[in-house]
Amino acid sequence: MILVIALLALAAWATIATFVELRRDGYRRVPTDWRRLAGRDLHQEAESGRLYR
């Protein structure tokens, strides 16, 4: 029973630590700057609201 409690405590700690680190890492979705891509023209941008695959 002690092993089960220890395992649950470890899993809870790991889950909380994961969320804390994800909030601190600074990664955020950034829109593509089409001017920085080679071989692209500003007029070739994808239209917003359209799904491209």
N, C-alpha and C. Protein backbone atom coordinates (compact mmCIF):
# COMPACT_ATOMS: atom_id res chain seq x y z
N MET A 1 0.82 -1.19 0.00
CA MET A 1 0.00 0.00 0.00
C MET A 1 0.87 1.26 0.00
N ILE A 2 1.97 1.17 0.71
CA ILE A 2 2.88 2.33 0.75
C ILE A 2 3.45 2.60 -0.64
N LEU A 3 3.74 1.55 -1.38
CA LEU A 3 4.26 1.75 -2.74
C LEU A 3 3.23 2.43 -3.64
N VAL A 4 1.98 2.08 -3.50
CA VAL A 4 0.92 2.70 -4.31
C VAL A 4 0.81 4.18 -3.97
N ILE A 5 0.85 4.51 -2.71
CA ILE A 5 0.78 5.91 -2.28
C ILE A 5 2.01 6.67 -2.78
N ALA A 6 3.18 6.07 -2.68
CA ALA A 6 4.40 6.72 -3.16
C ALA A 6 4.34 6.94 -4.67
N LEU A 7 3.83 5.96 -5.39
CA LEU A 7 3.71 6.09 -6.84
C LEU A 7 2.71 7.18 -7.21
N LEU A 8 1.59 7.26 -6.53
CA LEU A 8 0.61 8.32 -6.78
C LEU A 8 1.19 9.70 -6.46
N ALA A 9 1.94 9.79 -5.37
CA ALA A 9 2.57 11.06 -5.01
C ALA A 9 3.60 11.47 -6.06
N LEU A 10 4.37 10.52 -6.54
CA LEU A 10 5.36 10.81 -7.58
C LEU A 10 4.69 11.25 -8.88
N ALA A 11 3.60 10.59 -9.25
CA ALA A 11 2.87 10.96 -10.46
C ALA A 11 2.27 12.35 -10.33
N ALA A 12 1.72 12.68 -9.17
CA ALA A 12 1.16 14.01 -8.94
C ALA A 12 2.25 15.07 -9.01
N TRP A 13 3.39 14.80 -8.40
CA TRP A 13 4.50 15.75 -8.43
C TRP A 13 4.99 15.97 -9.86
N ALA A 14 5.10 14.89 -10.62
CA ALA A 14 5.58 15.01 -12.00
C ALA A 14 4.60 15.79 -12.86
N THR A 15 3.31 15.57 -12.66
CA THR A 15 2.31 16.30 -13.43
C THR A 15 2.35 17.79 -13.12
N ILE A 16 2.41 18.13 -11.86
CA ILE A 16 2.48 19.54 -11.47
C ILE A 16 3.76 20.17 -11.97
N ALA A 17 4.89 19.48 -11.85
CA ALA A 17 6.17 20.02 -12.31
C ALA A 17 6.16 20.23 -13.82
N THR A 18 5.49 19.35 -14.56
CA THR A 18 5.41 19.51 -16.01
C THR A 18 4.66 20.78 -16.38
N PHE A 19 3.51 21.01 -15.74
CA PHE A 19 2.75 22.22 -16.04
C PHE A 19 3.50 23.49 -15.64
N VAL A 20 4.21 23.44 -14.53
CA VAL A 20 5.00 24.61 -14.11
C VAL A 20 6.08 24.91 -15.14
N GLU A 21 6.78 23.90 -15.59
CA GLU A 21 7.85 24.11 -16.58
C GLU A 21 7.31 24.55 -17.93
N LEU A 22 6.17 24.04 -18.33
CA LEU A 22 5.58 24.48 -19.59
C LEU A 22 5.18 25.95 -19.54
N ARG A 23 4.76 26.42 -18.41
CA ARG A 23 4.41 27.85 -18.29
C ARG A 23 5.65 28.74 -18.25
N ARG A 24 6.77 28.20 -17.75
CA ARG A 24 7.98 29.01 -17.62
C ARG A 24 8.89 28.99 -18.82
N ASP A 25 8.70 28.08 -19.77
CA ASP A 25 9.68 27.93 -20.84
C ASP A 25 9.63 29.03 -21.89
N GLY A 26 8.57 29.82 -21.93
CA GLY A 26 8.51 30.95 -22.86
C GLY A 26 8.07 30.60 -24.26
N TYR A 27 7.74 29.36 -24.52
CA TYR A 27 7.30 28.98 -25.86
C TYR A 27 5.87 29.43 -26.08
N ARG A 28 5.67 30.14 -27.18
CA ARG A 28 4.33 30.56 -27.55
C ARG A 28 4.21 30.47 -29.06
N ARG A 29 3.00 30.22 -29.52
CA ARG A 29 2.77 30.17 -30.96
C ARG A 29 2.92 31.56 -31.53
N VAL A 30 3.74 31.68 -32.55
CA VAL A 30 4.02 32.96 -33.20
C VAL A 30 3.61 32.85 -34.66
N PRO A 31 2.86 33.83 -35.16
CA PRO A 31 2.48 33.77 -36.58
C PRO A 31 3.72 33.81 -37.48
N THR A 32 3.61 33.18 -38.63
CA THR A 32 4.73 33.14 -39.58
C THR A 32 4.98 34.52 -40.17
N ASP A 33 6.22 34.95 -40.16
CA ASP A 33 6.61 36.21 -40.82
C ASP A 33 7.01 35.85 -42.24
N TRP A 34 6.10 36.05 -43.18
CA TRP A 34 6.29 35.61 -44.55
C TRP A 34 7.47 36.34 -45.22
N ARG A 35 7.87 37.49 -44.71
CA ARG A 35 9.00 38.23 -45.31
C ARG A 35 10.32 37.52 -45.05
N ARG A 36 10.40 36.68 -44.04
CA ARG A 36 11.67 36.02 -43.69
C ARG A 36 11.86 34.68 -44.38
N LEU A 37 10.85 34.19 -45.08
CA LEU A 37 10.97 32.90 -45.76
C LEU A 37 11.54 33.10 -47.16
N ALA A 38 12.50 32.28 -47.51
CA ALA A 38 13.13 32.40 -48.82
C ALA A 38 12.17 31.92 -49.91
N GLY A 39 12.16 32.62 -51.03
CA GLY A 39 11.37 32.20 -52.15
C GLY A 39 9.89 32.47 -52.03
N ARG A 40 9.51 33.28 -51.08
CA ARG A 40 8.08 33.59 -50.89
C ARG A 40 7.85 35.06 -51.21
N ASP A 41 6.68 35.32 -51.75
CA ASP A 41 6.27 36.68 -52.03
C ASP A 41 5.16 37.03 -51.04
N LEU A 42 5.05 38.29 -50.66
CA LEU A 42 4.01 38.68 -49.71
C LEU A 42 2.61 38.38 -50.25
N HIS A 43 2.46 38.33 -51.55
CA HIS A 43 1.15 38.08 -52.13
C HIS A 43 0.79 36.61 -52.15
N GLN A 44 1.70 35.75 -51.72
CA GLN A 44 1.45 34.31 -51.70
C GLN A 44 1.00 33.83 -50.32
N GLU A 45 0.68 34.74 -49.44
CA GLU A 45 0.27 34.35 -48.10
C GLU A 45 -1.02 33.55 -48.14
N ALA A 46 -1.16 32.66 -47.19
CA ALA A 46 -2.41 31.90 -47.09
C ALA A 46 -3.49 32.83 -46.54
N GLU A 47 -4.69 32.64 -47.03
CA GLU A 47 -5.81 33.45 -46.55
C GLU A 47 -6.20 33.00 -45.16
N SER A 48 -6.54 33.94 -44.30
CA SER A 48 -6.95 33.57 -42.96
C SER A 48 -8.33 32.93 -43.02
N GLY A 49 -8.54 31.99 -42.14
CA GLY A 49 -9.82 31.31 -42.08
C GLY A 49 -9.94 30.15 -43.04
N ARG A 50 -8.91 29.87 -43.82
CA ARG A 50 -8.95 28.75 -44.76
C ARG A 50 -8.10 27.61 -44.21
N LEU A 51 -8.49 26.40 -44.47
CA LEU A 51 -7.75 25.23 -44.02
C LEU A 51 -6.91 24.69 -45.17
N TYR A 52 -5.60 24.66 -44.99
CA TYR A 52 -4.68 24.16 -46.02
C TYR A 52 -4.00 22.92 -45.49
N ARG A 53 -3.87 21.92 -46.31
CA ARG A 53 -3.16 20.70 -45.90
C ARG A 53 -2.04 20.41 -46.85
